[in-house]
Amino acid sequence: MEEKNLICINCPLGCMLTAAVEGEAVVSVTGNTCKRGEDYARKEMTNPTRIVTSTVRVSEGYEKMVPVKTREDIPKGKVLECVRALKDVEVKAPVHMGDVIAENIAGTGVDLIAAKEVRKI
């Protein structure tokens, strides 16, 4: 049995977790102070995912950039590809919170959405 140490990122407590792994199965999780910690460790060991946050350029807006994020988490291995796909993205103002900025980002099936309003000049 192999043990992996993790730091939970589900809340500000940052519990030090230990996941006991046998093959590809998580046998046990210790160190968590809540159920979310156990769920995080199990998911992180079997199918790690992340929410991606970044910015994209805005034309004709009061602000030059708008913060964006993936609508839901994507596979951790796709994060860099997702960020690279944003390099040439530019949206025209006005931008409303929740607007889809890029559909199916990096082939993940997840949309990238605006996280803030940007008014038109």
PDB file of N, CA and C in Angstrom:
ATOM      1  N   MET A   1       0.849  -1.178   0.000  1.00  0.00           N
ATOM      2  CA  MET A   1       0.000   0.000   0.000  1.00  0.00           C
ATOM      3  C   MET A   1       0.894   1.240   0.000  1.00  0.00           C
ATOM      4  N   GLU A   2       0.521   2.205  -0.817  1.00  0.00           N
ATOM      5  CA  GLU A   2       1.274   3.449  -0.935  1.00  0.00           C
ATOM      6  C   GLU A   2       0.502   4.569  -0.244  1.00  0.00           C
ATOM      7  N   GLU A   3       1.235   5.501   0.375  1.00  0.00           N
ATOM      8  CA  GLU A   3       0.596   6.659   0.996  1.00  0.00           C
ATOM      9  C   GLU A   3       1.016   7.920   0.257  1.00  0.00           C
ATOM     10  N   LYS A   4       0.037   8.788   0.012  1.00  0.00           N
ATOM     11  CA  LYS A   4       0.297  10.075  -0.647  1.00  0.00           C
ATOM     12  C   LYS A   4      -0.181  11.181   0.277  1.00  0.00           C
ATOM     13  N   ASN A   5       0.635  12.220   0.419  1.00  0.00           N
ATOM     14  CA  ASN A   5       0.281  13.368   1.245  1.00  0.00           C
ATOM     15  C   ASN A   5      -0.241  14.489   0.359  1.00  0.00           C
ATOM     16  N   LEU A   6      -1.325  15.103   0.797  1.00  0.00           N
ATOM     17  CA  LEU A   6      -1.971  16.193   0.063  1.00  0.00           C
ATOM     18  C   LEU A   6      -2.340  17.307   1.029  1.00  0.00           C
ATOM     19  N   ILE A   7      -2.519  18.478   0.497  1.00  0.00           N
ATOM     20  CA  ILE A   7      -3.086  19.587   1.270  1.00  0.00           C
ATOM     21  C   ILE A   7      -4.440  19.879   0.661  1.00  0.00           C
ATOM     22  N   CYS A   8      -5.480  19.811   1.464  1.00  0.00           N
ATOM     23  CA  CYS A   8      -6.831  20.048   0.978  1.00  0.00           C
ATOM     24  C   CYS A   8      -6.990  21.518   0.577  1.00  0.00           C
ATOM     25  N   ILE A   9      -7.616  21.761  -0.571  1.00  0.00           N
ATOM     26  CA  ILE A   9      -7.820  23.128  -1.056  1.00  0.00           C
ATOM     27  C   ILE A   9      -9.301  23.506  -1.086  1.00  0.00           C
ATOM     28  N   ASN A  10     -10.143  22.736  -0.394  1.00  0.00           N
ATOM     29  CA  ASN A  10     -11.582  23.011  -0.417  1.00  0.00           C
ATOM     30  C   ASN A  10     -12.010  24.125   0.523  1.00  0.00           C
ATOM     31  N   CYS A  11     -11.217  24.446   1.514  1.00  0.00           N
ATOM     32  CA  CYS A  11     -11.566  25.538   2.429  1.00  0.00           C
ATOM     33  C   CYS A  11     -10.280  26.126   2.996  1.00  0.00           C
ATOM     34  N   PRO A  12     -10.362  27.220   3.722  1.00  0.00           N
ATOM     35  CA  PRO A  12      -9.158  27.882   4.244  1.00  0.00           C
ATOM     36  C   PRO A  12      -8.367  27.072   5.291  1.00  0.00           C
ATOM     37  N   LEU A  13      -8.926  26.003   5.837  1.00  0.00           N
ATOM     38  CA  LEU A  13      -8.196  25.232   6.842  1.00  0.00           C
ATOM     39  C   LEU A  13      -6.943  24.570   6.281  1.00  0.00           C
ATOM     40  N   GLY A  14      -6.972  24.139   5.030  1.00  0.00           N
ATOM     41  CA  GLY A  14      -5.803  23.520   4.407  1.00  0.00           C
ATOM     42  C   GLY A  14      -5.327  22.287   5.157  1.00  0.00           C
ATOM     43  N   CYS A  15      -6.224  21.375   5.431  1.00  0.00           N
ATOM     44  CA  CYS A  15      -5.865  20.154   6.182  1.00  0.00           C
ATOM     45  C   CYS A  15      -4.786  19.358   5.462  1.00  0.00           C
ATOM     46  N   MET A  16      -3.877  18.793   6.235  1.00  0.00           N
ATOM     47  CA  MET A  16      -2.841  17.903   5.719  1.00  0.00           C
ATOM     48  C   MET A  16      -3.447  16.508   5.640  1.00  0.00           C
ATOM     49  N   LEU A  17      -3.660  16.021   4.446  1.00  0.00           N
ATOM     50  CA  LEU A  17      -4.321  14.746   4.226  1.00  0.00           C
ATOM     51  C   LEU A  17      -3.312  13.658   3.869  1.00  0.00           C
ATOM     52  N   THR A  18      -3.629  12.448   4.260  1.00  0.00           N
ATOM     53  CA  THR A  18      -2.866  11.284   3.831  1.00  0.00           C
ATOM     54  C   THR A  18      -3.850  10.312   3.208  1.00  0.00           C
ATOM     55  N   ALA A  19      -3.582   9.975   1.946  1.00  0.00           N
ATOM     56  CA  ALA A  19      -4.438   9.035   1.236  1.00  0.00           C
ATOM     57  C   ALA A  19      -3.674   7.723   1.077  1.00  0.00           C
ATOM     58  N   ALA A  20      -4.278   6.644   1.549  1.00  0.00           N
ATOM     59  CA  ALA A  20      -3.700   5.315   1.363  1.00  0.00           C
ATOM     60  C   ALA A  20      -4.247   4.757   0.062  1.00  0.00           C
ATOM     61  N   VAL A  21      -3.334   4.407  -0.844  1.00  0.00           N
ATOM     62  CA  VAL A  21      -3.723   3.973  -2.184  1.00  0.00           C
ATOM     63  C   VAL A  21      -3.208   2.552  -2.424  1.00  0.00           C
ATOM     64  N   GLU A  22      -4.090   1.730  -2.939  1.00  0.00           N
ATOM     65  CA  GLU A  22      -3.722   0.371  -3.307  1.00  0.00           C
ATOM     66  C   GLU A  22      -4.121   0.184  -4.770  1.00  0.00           C
ATOM     67  N   GLY A  23      -3.115   0.086  -5.645  1.00  0.00           N
ATOM     68  CA  GLY A  23      -3.398   0.068  -7.080  1.00  0.00           C
ATOM     69  C   GLY A  23      -3.940   1.418  -7.486  1.00  0.00           C
ATOM     70  N   GLU A  24      -5.137   1.444  -8.026  1.00  0.00           N
ATOM     71  CA  GLU A  24      -5.771   2.714  -8.392  1.00  0.00           C
ATOM     72  C   GLU A  24      -6.907   3.079  -7.446  1.00  0.00           C
ATOM     73  N   ALA A  25      -7.065   2.302  -6.379  1.00  0.00           N
ATOM     74  CA  ALA A  25      -8.155   2.540  -5.426  1.00  0.00           C
ATOM     75  C   ALA A  25      -7.647   3.263  -4.182  1.00  0.00           C
ATOM     76  N   VAL A  26      -8.403   4.256  -3.738  1.00  0.00           N
ATOM     77  CA  VAL A  26      -8.100   4.942  -2.484  1.00  0.00           C
ATOM     78  C   VAL A  26      -8.742   4.135  -1.368  1.00  0.00           C
ATOM     79  N   VAL A  27      -7.907   3.580  -0.485  1.00  0.00           N
ATOM     80  CA  VAL A  27      -8.384   2.710   0.587  1.00  0.00           C
ATOM     81  C   VAL A  27      -8.875   3.530   1.783  1.00  0.00           C
ATOM     82  N   SER A  28      -8.122   4.601   2.114  1.00  0.00           N
ATOM     83  CA  SER A  28      -8.537   5.434   3.238  1.00  0.00           C
ATOM     84  C   SER A  28      -7.935   6.827   3.109  1.00  0.00           C
ATOM     85  N   VAL A  29      -8.571   7.779   3.814  1.00  0.00           N
ATOM     86  CA  VAL A  29      -8.083   9.155   3.872  1.00  0.00           C
ATOM     87  C   VAL A  29      -8.085   9.569   5.332  1.00  0.00           C
ATOM     88  N   THR A  30      -6.971  10.134   5.784  1.00  0.00           N
ATOM     89  CA  THR A  30      -6.888  10.629   7.167  1.00  0.00           C
ATOM     90  C   THR A  30      -6.392  12.071   7.152  1.00  0.00           C
ATOM     91  N   GLY A  31      -6.618  12.772   8.249  1.00  0.00           N
ATOM     92  CA  GLY A  31      -6.155  14.146   8.403  1.00  0.00           C
ATOM     93  C   GLY A  31      -7.210  15.189   8.099  1.00  0.00           C
ATOM     94  N   ASN A  32      -8.311  14.766   7.506  1.00  0.00           N
ATOM     95  CA  ASN A  32      -9.360  15.729   7.162  1.00  0.00           C
ATOM     96  C   ASN A  32     -10.214  16.040   8.385  1.00  0.00           C
ATOM     97  N   THR A  33     -10.683  17.303   8.438  1.00  0.00           N
ATOM     98  CA  THR A  33     -11.566  17.683   9.542  1.00  0.00           C
ATOM     99  C   THR A  33     -13.031  17.710   9.108  1.00  0.00           C
ATOM    100  N   CYS A  34     -13.273  17.489   7.810  1.00  0.00           N
ATOM    101  CA  CYS A  34     -14.647  17.436   7.332  1.00  0.00           C
ATOM    102  C   CYS A  34     -14.742  16.474   6.147  1.00  0.00           C
ATOM    103  N   LYS A  35     -15.950  16.179   5.742  1.00  0.00           N
ATOM    104  CA  LYS A  35     -16.195  15.248   4.636  1.00  0.00           C
ATOM    105  C   LYS A  35     -15.637  15.773   3.319  1.00  0.00           C
ATOM    106  N   ARG A  36     -15.624  17.095   3.155  1.00  0.00           N
ATOM    107  CA  ARG A  36     -15.103  17.665   1.908  1.00  0.00           C
ATOM    108  C   ARG A  36     -13.641  17.300   1.702  1.00  0.00           C
ATOM    109  N   GLY A  37     -12.878  17.218   2.781  1.00  0.00           N
ATOM    110  CA  GLY A  37     -11.470  16.839   2.684  1.00  0.00           C
ATOM    111  C   GLY A  37     -11.300  15.423   2.158  1.00  0.00           C
ATOM    112  N   GLU A  38     -12.111  14.519   2.658  1.00  0.00           N
ATOM    113  CA  GLU A  38     -12.049  13.140   2.177  1.00  0.00           C
ATOM    114  C   GLU A  38     -12.449  13.070   0.706  1.00  0.00           C
ATOM    115  N   ASP A  39     -13.521  13.765   0.342  1.00  0.00           N
ATOM    116  CA  ASP A  39     -13.966  13.778  -1.052  1.00  0.00           C
ATOM    117  C   ASP A  39     -12.881  14.355  -1.963  1.00  0.00           C
ATOM    118  N   TYR A  40     -12.245  15.442  -1.519  1.00  0.00           N
ATOM    119  CA  TYR A  40     -11.178  16.063  -2.298  1.00  0.00           C
ATOM    120  C   TYR A  40     -10.036  15.078  -2.534  1.00  0.00           C
ATOM    121  N   ALA A  41      -9.583  14.417  -1.483  1.00  0.00           N
ATOM    122  CA  ALA A  41      -8.455  13.482  -1.605  1.00  0.00           C
ATOM    123  C   ALA A  41      -8.786  12.340  -2.554  1.00  0.00           C
ATOM    124  N   ARG A  42      -9.957  11.787  -2.422  1.00  0.00           N
ATOM    125  CA  ARG A  42     -10.353  10.679  -3.309  1.00  0.00           C
ATOM    126  C   ARG A  42     -10.388  11.129  -4.777  1.00  0.00           C
ATOM    127  N   LYS A  43     -10.950  12.298  -5.016  1.00  0.00           N
ATOM    128  CA  LYS A  43     -11.023  12.811  -6.382  1.00  0.00           C
ATOM    129  C   LYS A  43      -9.632  13.168  -6.901  1.00  0.00           C
ATOM    130  N   GLU A  44      -8.827  13.781  -6.078  1.00  0.00           N
ATOM    131  CA  GLU A  44      -7.481  14.198  -6.492  1.00  0.00           C
ATOM    132  C   GLU A  44      -6.611  12.992  -6.852  1.00  0.00           C
ATOM    133  N   MET A  45      -6.819  11.881  -6.191  1.00  0.00           N
ATOM    134  CA  MET A  45      -6.022  10.686  -6.453  1.00  0.00           C
ATOM    135  C   MET A  45      -6.515   9.918  -7.686  1.00  0.00           C
ATOM    136  N   THR A  46      -7.781  10.064  -8.030  1.00  0.00           N
ATOM    137  CA  THR A  46      -8.327   9.267  -9.131  1.00  0.00           C
ATOM    138  C   THR A  46      -8.614  10.082 -10.391  1.00  0.00           C
ATOM    139  N   ASN A  47      -9.051  11.347 -10.237  1.00  0.00           N
ATOM    140  CA  ASN A  47      -9.417  12.175 -11.385  1.00  0.00           C
ATOM    141  C   ASN A  47      -9.255  13.652 -11.022  1.00  0.00           C
ATOM    142  N   PRO A  48      -8.010  14.144 -10.944  1.00  0.00           N
ATOM    143  CA  PRO A  48      -7.800  15.529 -10.523  1.00  0.00           C
ATOM    144  C   PRO A  48      -8.354  16.532 -11.532  1.00  0.00           C
ATOM    145  N   THR A  49      -9.045  17.543 -11.028  1.00  0.00           N
ATOM    146  CA  THR A  49      -9.629  18.587 -11.866  1.00  0.00           C
ATOM    147  C   THR A  49      -9.359  19.949 -11.246  1.00  0.00           C
ATOM    148  N   ARG A  50      -9.512  20.993 -12.058  1.00  0.00           N
ATOM    149  CA  ARG A  50      -9.311  22.351 -11.584  1.00  0.00           C
ATOM    150  C   ARG A  50     -10.278  23.305 -12.285  1.00  0.00           C
ATOM    151  N   ILE A  51     -10.618  24.388 -11.599  1.00  0.00           N
ATOM    152  CA  ILE A  51     -11.294  25.531 -12.209  1.00  0.00           C
ATOM    153  C   ILE A  51     -10.164  26.420 -12.731  1.00  0.00           C
ATOM    154  N   VAL A  52     -10.275  26.881 -13.959  1.00  0.00           N
ATOM    155  CA  VAL A  52      -9.252  27.755 -14.529  1.00  0.00           C
ATOM    156  C   VAL A  52      -9.758  29.190 -14.471  1.00  0.00           C
ATOM    157  N   THR A  53      -8.930  30.083 -13.958  1.00  0.00           N
ATOM    158  CA  THR A  53      -9.244  31.512 -13.950  1.00  0.00           C
ATOM    159  C   THR A  53      -8.140  32.246 -14.694  1.00  0.00           C
ATOM    160  N   SER A  54      -8.533  33.262 -15.448  1.00  0.00           N
ATOM    161  CA  SER A  54      -7.568  34.029 -16.226  1.00  0.00           C
ATOM    162  C   SER A  54      -8.216  35.349 -16.623  1.00  0.00           C
ATOM    163  N   THR A  55      -7.649  36.010 -17.612  1.00  0.00           N
ATOM    164  CA  THR A  55      -8.233  37.227 -18.172  1.00  0.00           C
ATOM    165  C   THR A  55      -8.134  37.169 -19.696  1.00  0.00           C
ATOM    166  N   VAL A  56      -9.022  37.898 -20.364  1.00  0.00           N
ATOM    167  CA  VAL A  56      -8.937  38.064 -21.814  1.00  0.00           C
ATOM    168  C   VAL A  56      -9.098  39.548 -22.135  1.00  0.00           C
ATOM    169  N   ARG A  57      -8.585  39.929 -23.290  1.00  0.00           N
ATOM    170  CA  ARG A  57      -8.641  41.322 -23.716  1.00  0.00           C
ATOM    171  C   ARG A  57     -10.062  41.729 -24.106  1.00  0.00           C
ATOM    172  N   VAL A  58     -10.365  43.014 -23.883  1.00  0.00           N
ATOM    173  CA  VAL A  58     -11.658  43.590 -24.248  1.00  0.00           C
ATOM    174  C   VAL A  58     -11.401  44.785 -25.144  1.00  0.00           C
ATOM    175  N   SER A  59     -12.117  44.849 -26.263  1.00  0.00           N
ATOM    176  CA  SER A  59     -12.038  46.033 -27.116  1.00  0.00           C
ATOM    177  C   SER A  59     -13.276  46.889 -26.881  1.00  0.00           C
ATOM    178  N   GLU A  60     -13.106  48.200 -27.035  1.00  0.00           N
ATOM    179  CA  GLU A  60     -14.187  49.174 -26.904  1.00  0.00           C
ATOM    180  C   GLU A  60     -14.852  49.174 -25.523  1.00  0.00           C
ATOM    181  N   GLY A  61     -14.079  48.805 -24.496  1.00  0.00           N
ATOM    182  CA  GLY A  61     -14.623  48.773 -23.146  1.00  0.00           C
ATOM    183  C   GLY A  61     -13.939  49.764 -22.228  1.00  0.00           C
ATOM    184  N   TYR A  62     -14.598  50.069 -21.111  1.00  0.00           N
ATOM    185  CA  TYR A  62     -13.994  50.938 -20.107  1.00  0.00           C
ATOM    186  C   TYR A  62     -12.797  50.270 -19.446  1.00  0.00           C
ATOM    187  N   GLU A  63     -12.734  48.970 -19.532  1.00  0.00           N
ATOM    188  CA  GLU A  63     -11.588  48.224 -19.022  1.00  0.00           C
ATOM    189  C   GLU A  63     -10.996  47.431 -20.170  1.00  0.00           C
ATOM    190  N   LYS A  64      -9.691  47.226 -20.137  1.00  0.00           N
ATOM    191  CA  LYS A  64      -8.986  46.546 -21.227  1.00  0.00           C
ATOM    192  C   LYS A  64      -8.996  45.033 -21.092  1.00  0.00           C
ATOM    193  N   MET A  65      -9.300  44.525 -19.903  1.00  0.00           N
ATOM    194  CA  MET A  65      -9.305  43.086 -19.648  1.00  0.00           C
ATOM    195  C   MET A  65     -10.555  42.718 -18.861  1.00  0.00           C
ATOM    196  N   VAL A  66     -10.995  41.479 -19.023  1.00  0.00           N
ATOM    197  CA  VAL A  66     -12.111  40.961 -18.234  1.00  0.00           C
ATOM    198  C   VAL A  66     -11.670  39.633 -17.617  1.00  0.00           C
ATOM    199  N   PRO A  67     -11.944  39.440 -16.326  1.00  0.00           N
ATOM    200  CA  PRO A  67     -11.630  38.135 -15.731  1.00  0.00           C
ATOM    201  C   PRO A  67     -12.587  37.071 -16.262  1.00  0.00           C
ATOM    202  N   VAL A  68     -12.051  35.879 -16.464  1.00  0.00           N
ATOM    203  CA  VAL A  68     -12.841  34.758 -16.972  1.00  0.00           C
ATOM    204  C   VAL A  68     -12.534  33.514 -16.141  1.00  0.00           C
ATOM    205  N   LYS A  69     -13.443  32.537 -16.218  1.00  0.00           N
ATOM    206  CA  LYS A  69     -13.225  31.264 -15.525  1.00  0.00           C
ATOM    207  C   LYS A  69     -13.987  30.175 -16.248  1.00  0.00           C
ATOM    208  N   THR A  70     -13.548  28.954 -16.021  1.00  0.00           N
ATOM    209  CA  THR A  70     -14.302  27.848 -16.586  1.00  0.00           C
ATOM    210  C   THR A  70     -15.585  27.696 -15.781  1.00  0.00           C
ATOM    211  N   ARG A  71     -16.660  27.349 -16.477  1.00  0.00           N
ATOM    212  CA  ARG A  71     -17.964  27.215 -15.815  1.00  0.00           C
ATOM    213  C   ARG A  71     -17.927  26.131 -14.738  1.00  0.00           C
ATOM    214  N   GLU A  72     -17.118  25.111 -14.971  1.00  0.00           N
ATOM    215  CA  GLU A  72     -16.923  24.032 -13.998  1.00  0.00           C
ATOM    216  C   GLU A  72     -15.489  23.539 -14.125  1.00  0.00           C
ATOM    217  N   ASP A  73     -15.107  22.624 -13.272  1.00  0.00           N
ATOM    218  CA  ASP A  73     -13.725  22.166 -13.312  1.00  0.00           C
ATOM    219  C   ASP A  73     -13.462  21.309 -14.546  1.00  0.00           C
ATOM    220  N   ILE A  74     -12.194  21.350 -14.967  1.00  0.00           N
ATOM    221  CA  ILE A  74     -11.749  20.591 -16.135  1.00  0.00           C
ATOM    222  C   ILE A  74     -10.626  19.654 -15.695  1.00  0.00           C
ATOM    223  N   PRO A  75     -10.316  18.636 -16.487  1.00  0.00           N
ATOM    224  CA  PRO A  75      -9.213  17.749 -16.120  1.00  0.00           C
ATOM    225  C   PRO A  75      -7.914  18.540 -15.925  1.00  0.00           C
ATOM    226  N   LYS A  76      -7.194  18.236 -14.877  1.00  0.00           N
ATOM    227  CA  LYS A  76      -5.966  18.951 -14.549  1.00  0.00           C
ATOM    228  C   LYS A  76      -4.983  18.948 -15.719  1.00  0.00           C
ATOM    229  N   GLY A  77      -4.935  17.874 -16.472  1.00  0.00           N
ATOM    230  CA  GLY A  77      -4.031  17.777 -17.606  1.00  0.00           C
ATOM    231  C   GLY A  77      -4.376  18.701 -18.763  1.00  0.00           C
ATOM    232  N   LYS A  78      -5.547  19.319 -18.742  1.00  0.00           N
ATOM    233  CA  LYS A  78      -5.979  20.227 -19.804  1.00  0.00           C
ATOM    234  C   LYS A  78      -5.806  21.707 -19.439  1.00  0.00           C
ATOM    235  N   VAL A  79      -5.346  21.990 -18.220  1.00  0.00           N
ATOM    236  CA  VAL A  79      -5.256  23.379 -17.755  1.00  0.00           C
ATOM    237  C   VAL A  79      -4.337  24.216 -18.646  1.00  0.00           C
ATOM    238  N   LEU A  80      -3.137  23.736 -18.914  1.00  0.00           N
ATOM    239  CA  LEU A  80      -2.190  24.502 -19.722  1.00  0.00           C
ATOM    240  C   LEU A  80      -2.730  24.736 -21.133  1.00  0.00           C
ATOM    241  N   GLU A  81      -3.337  23.727 -21.720  1.00  0.00           N
ATOM    242  CA  GLU A  81      -3.932  23.862 -23.048  1.00  0.00           C
ATOM    243  C   GLU A  81      -5.045  24.912 -23.026  1.00  0.00           C
ATOM    244  N   CYS A  82      -5.816  24.933 -21.972  1.00  0.00           N
ATOM    245  CA  CYS A  82      -6.894  25.910 -21.812  1.00  0.00           C
ATOM    246  C   CYS A  82      -6.315  27.325 -21.755  1.00  0.00           C
ATOM    247  N   VAL A  83      -5.295  27.528 -20.953  1.00  0.00           N
ATOM    248  CA  VAL A  83      -4.693  28.855 -20.813  1.00  0.00           C
ATOM    249  C   VAL A  83      -4.069  29.297 -22.138  1.00  0.00           C
ATOM    250  N   ARG A  84      -3.406  28.385 -22.828  1.00  0.00           N
ATOM    251  CA  ARG A  84      -2.814  28.730 -24.127  1.00  0.00           C
ATOM    252  C   ARG A  84      -3.888  29.132 -25.143  1.00  0.00           C
ATOM    253  N   ALA A  85      -5.059  28.520 -25.072  1.00  0.00           N
ATOM    254  CA  ALA A  85      -6.148  28.835 -26.001  1.00  0.00           C
ATOM    255  C   ALA A  85      -6.659  30.262 -25.801  1.00  0.00           C
ATOM    256  N   LEU A  86      -6.376  30.863 -24.660  1.00  0.00           N
ATOM    257  CA  LEU A  86      -6.862  32.219 -24.363  1.00  0.00           C
ATOM    258  C   LEU A  86      -5.961  33.307 -24.912  1.00  0.00           C
ATOM    259  N   LYS A  87      -4.783  32.938 -25.356  1.00  0.00           N
ATOM    260  CA  LYS A  87      -3.782  33.904 -25.796  1.00  0.00           C
ATOM    261  C   LYS A  87      -4.322  34.904 -26.818  1.00  0.00           C
ATOM    262  N   ASP A  88      -5.077  34.439 -27.783  1.00  0.00           N
ATOM    263  CA  ASP A  88      -5.552  35.308 -28.857  1.00  0.00           C
ATOM    264  C   ASP A  88      -7.027  35.685 -28.742  1.00  0.00           C
ATOM    265  N   VAL A  89      -7.636  35.391 -27.612  1.00  0.00           N
ATOM    266  CA  VAL A  89      -9.061  35.702 -27.445  1.00  0.00           C
ATOM    267  C   VAL A  89      -9.227  37.179 -27.086  1.00  0.00           C
ATOM    268  N   GLU A  90     -10.120  37.837 -27.803  1.00  0.00           N
ATOM    269  CA  GLU A  90     -10.486  39.215 -27.497  1.00  0.00           C
ATOM    270  C   GLU A  90     -11.987  39.339 -27.683  1.00  0.00           C
ATOM    271  N   VAL A  91     -12.656  39.970 -26.718  1.00  0.00           N
ATOM    272  CA  VAL A  91     -14.104  40.155 -26.805  1.00  0.00           C
ATOM    273  C   VAL A  91     -14.412  41.641 -26.930  1.00  0.00           C
ATOM    274  N   LYS A  92     -15.566  41.929 -27.501  1.00  0.00           N
ATOM    275  CA  LYS A  92     -15.988  43.313 -27.683  1.00  0.00           C
ATOM    276  C   LYS A  92     -16.981  43.673 -26.583  1.00  0.00           C
ATOM    277  N   ALA A  93     -16.790  44.836 -25.984  1.00  0.00           N
ATOM    278  CA  ALA A  93     -17.706  45.312 -24.951  1.00  0.00           C
ATOM    279  C   ALA A  93     -19.055  45.633 -25.589  1.00  0.00           C
ATOM    280  N   PRO A  94     -20.136  45.533 -24.875  1.00  0.00           N
ATOM    281  CA  PRO A  94     -20.213  45.226 -23.448  1.00  0.00           C
ATOM    282  C   PRO A  94     -20.096  43.716 -23.178  1.00  0.00           C
ATOM    283  N   VAL A  95     -19.564  43.420 -21.999  1.00  0.00           N
ATOM    284  CA  VAL A  95     -19.450  42.037 -21.542  1.00  0.00           C
ATOM    285  C   VAL A  95     -20.238  41.934 -20.246  1.00  0.00           C
ATOM    286  N   HIS A  96     -21.060  40.912 -20.131  1.00  0.00           N
ATOM    287  CA  HIS A  96     -21.871  40.715 -18.929  1.00  0.00           C
ATOM    288  C   HIS A  96     -21.392  39.479 -18.177  1.00  0.00           C
ATOM    289  N   MET A  97     -21.468  39.548 -16.865  1.00  0.00           N
ATOM    290  CA  MET A  97     -21.073  38.403 -16.053  1.00  0.00           C
ATOM    291  C   MET A  97     -21.868  37.178 -16.494  1.00  0.00           C
ATOM    292  N   GLY A  98     -21.150  36.087 -16.743  1.00  0.00           N
ATOM    293  CA  GLY A  98     -21.791  34.855 -17.165  1.00  0.00           C
ATOM    294  C   GLY A  98     -21.829  34.658 -18.669  1.00  0.00           C
ATOM    295  N   ASP A  99     -21.475  35.718 -19.441  1.00  0.00           N
ATOM    296  CA  ASP A  99     -21.404  35.567 -20.896  1.00  0.00           C
ATOM    297  C   ASP A  99     -20.402  34.477 -21.256  1.00  0.00           C
ATOM    298  N   VAL A 100     -20.731  33.682 -22.252  1.00  0.00           N
ATOM    299  CA  VAL A 100     -19.796  32.659 -22.726  1.00  0.00           C
ATOM    300  C   VAL A 100     -18.751  33.351 -23.593  1.00  0.00           C
ATOM    301  N   ILE A 101     -17.505  33.232 -23.184  1.00  0.00           N
ATOM    302  CA  ILE A 101     -16.389  33.837 -23.900  1.00  0.00           C
ATOM    303  C   ILE A 101     -15.801  32.845 -24.903  1.00  0.00           C
ATOM    304  N   ALA A 102     -15.732  31.583 -24.522  1.00  0.00           N
ATOM    305  CA  ALA A 102     -15.243  30.518 -25.411  1.00  0.00           C
ATOM    306  C   ALA A 102     -15.986  29.237 -25.076  1.00  0.00           C
ATOM    307  N   GLU A 103     -16.575  28.629 -26.101  1.00  0.00           N
ATOM    308  CA  GLU A 103     -17.279  27.363 -25.895  1.00  0.00           C
ATOM    309  C   GLU A 103     -16.301  26.202 -25.943  1.00  0.00           C
ATOM    310  N   ASN A 104     -16.583  25.181 -25.161  1.00  0.00           N
ATOM    311  CA  ASN A 104     -15.827  23.926 -25.216  1.00  0.00           C
ATOM    312  C   ASN A 104     -14.320  24.187 -25.206  1.00  0.00           C
ATOM    313  N   ILE A 105     -13.867  24.950 -24.235  1.00  0.00           N
ATOM    314  CA  ILE A 105     -12.462  25.357 -24.176  1.00  0.00           C
ATOM    315  C   ILE A 105     -11.544  24.132 -24.139  1.00  0.00           C
ATOM    316  N   ALA A 106     -10.563  24.123 -24.998  1.00  0.00           N
ATOM    317  CA  ALA A 106      -9.557  23.057 -25.093  1.00  0.00           C
ATOM    318  C   ALA A 106     -10.175  21.669 -25.252  1.00  0.00           C
ATOM    319  N   GLY A 107     -11.358  21.627 -25.859  1.00  0.00           N
ATOM    320  CA  GLY A 107     -12.006  20.341 -26.098  1.00  0.00           C
ATOM    321  C   GLY A 107     -12.477  19.637 -24.840  1.00  0.00           C
ATOM    322  N   THR A 108     -12.721  20.396 -23.779  1.00  0.00           N
ATOM    323  CA  THR A 108     -13.120  19.808 -22.493  1.00  0.00           C
ATOM    324  C   THR A 108     -14.628  19.640 -22.356  1.00  0.00           C
ATOM    325  N   GLY A 109     -15.387  20.287 -23.240  1.00  0.00           N
ATOM    326  CA  GLY A 109     -16.836  20.278 -23.106  1.00  0.00           C
ATOM    327  C   GLY A 109     -17.331  21.324 -22.126  1.00  0.00           C
ATOM    328  N   VAL A 110     -16.415  22.146 -21.604  1.00  0.00           N
ATOM    329  CA  VAL A 110     -16.741  23.170 -20.606  1.00  0.00           C
ATOM    330  C   VAL A 110     -16.543  24.547 -21.225  1.00  0.00           C
ATOM    331  N   ASP A 111     -17.505  25.451 -20.985  1.00  0.00           N
ATOM    332  CA  ASP A 111     -17.403  26.814 -21.508  1.00  0.00           C
ATOM    333  C   ASP A 111     -16.601  27.693 -20.569  1.00  0.00           C
ATOM    334  N   LEU A 112     -15.960  28.710 -21.167  1.00  0.00           N
ATOM    335  CA  LEU A 112     -15.262  29.741 -20.411  1.00  0.00           C
ATOM    336  C   LEU A 112     -16.211  30.927 -20.329  1.00  0.00           C
ATOM    337  N   ILE A 113     -16.433  31.457 -19.130  1.00  0.00           N
ATOM    338  CA  ILE A 113     -17.410  32.536 -18.955  1.00  0.00           C
ATOM    339  C   ILE A 113     -16.775  33.780 -18.326  1.00  0.00           C
ATOM    340  N   ALA A 114     -17.393  34.929 -18.578  1.00  0.00           N
ATOM    341  CA  ALA A 114     -16.938  36.187 -17.986  1.00  0.00           C
ATOM    342  C   ALA A 114     -17.304  36.190 -16.505  1.00  0.00           C
ATOM    343  N   ALA A 115     -16.383  36.722 -15.708  1.00  0.00           N
ATOM    344  CA  ALA A 115     -16.603  36.772 -14.266  1.00  0.00           C
ATOM    345  C   ALA A 115     -16.849  38.207 -13.777  1.00  0.00           C
ATOM    346  N   LYS A 116     -17.038  39.130 -14.721  1.00  0.00           N
ATOM    347  CA  LYS A 116     -17.256  40.525 -14.362  1.00  0.00           C
ATOM    348  C   LYS A 116     -17.911  41.258 -15.521  1.00  0.00           C
ATOM    349  N   GLU A 117     -18.573  42.356 -15.226  1.00  0.00           N
ATOM    350  CA  GLU A 117     -19.170  43.198 -16.258  1.00  0.00           C
ATOM    351  C   GLU A 117     -18.113  44.183 -16.776  1.00  0.00           C
ATOM    352  N   VAL A 118     -18.112  44.441 -18.071  1.00  0.00           N
ATOM    353  CA  VAL A 118     -17.303  45.503 -18.662  1.00  0.00           C
ATOM    354  C   VAL A 118     -18.208  46.283 -19.598  1.00  0.00           C
ATOM    355  N   ARG A 119     -18.379  47.561 -19.288  1.00  0.00           N
ATOM    356  CA  ARG A 119     -19.256  48.411 -20.082  1.00  0.00           C
ATOM    357  C   ARG A 119     -18.557  48.914 -21.345  1.00  0.00           C
ATOM    358  N   LYS A 120     -19.355  49.241 -22.328  1.00  0.00           N
ATOM    359  CA  LYS A 120     -18.839  49.787 -23.597  1.00  0.00           C
ATOM    360  C   LYS A 120     -18.514  51.261 -23.386  1.00  0.00           C
ATOM    361  N   ILE A 121     -17.476  51.712 -24.051  1.00  0.00           N
ATOM    362  CA  ILE A 121     -17.083  53.128 -23.973  1.00  0.00           C
ATOM    363  C   ILE A 121     -18.142  53.968 -24.659  1.00  0.00           C
TER     364      ILE A 121
END
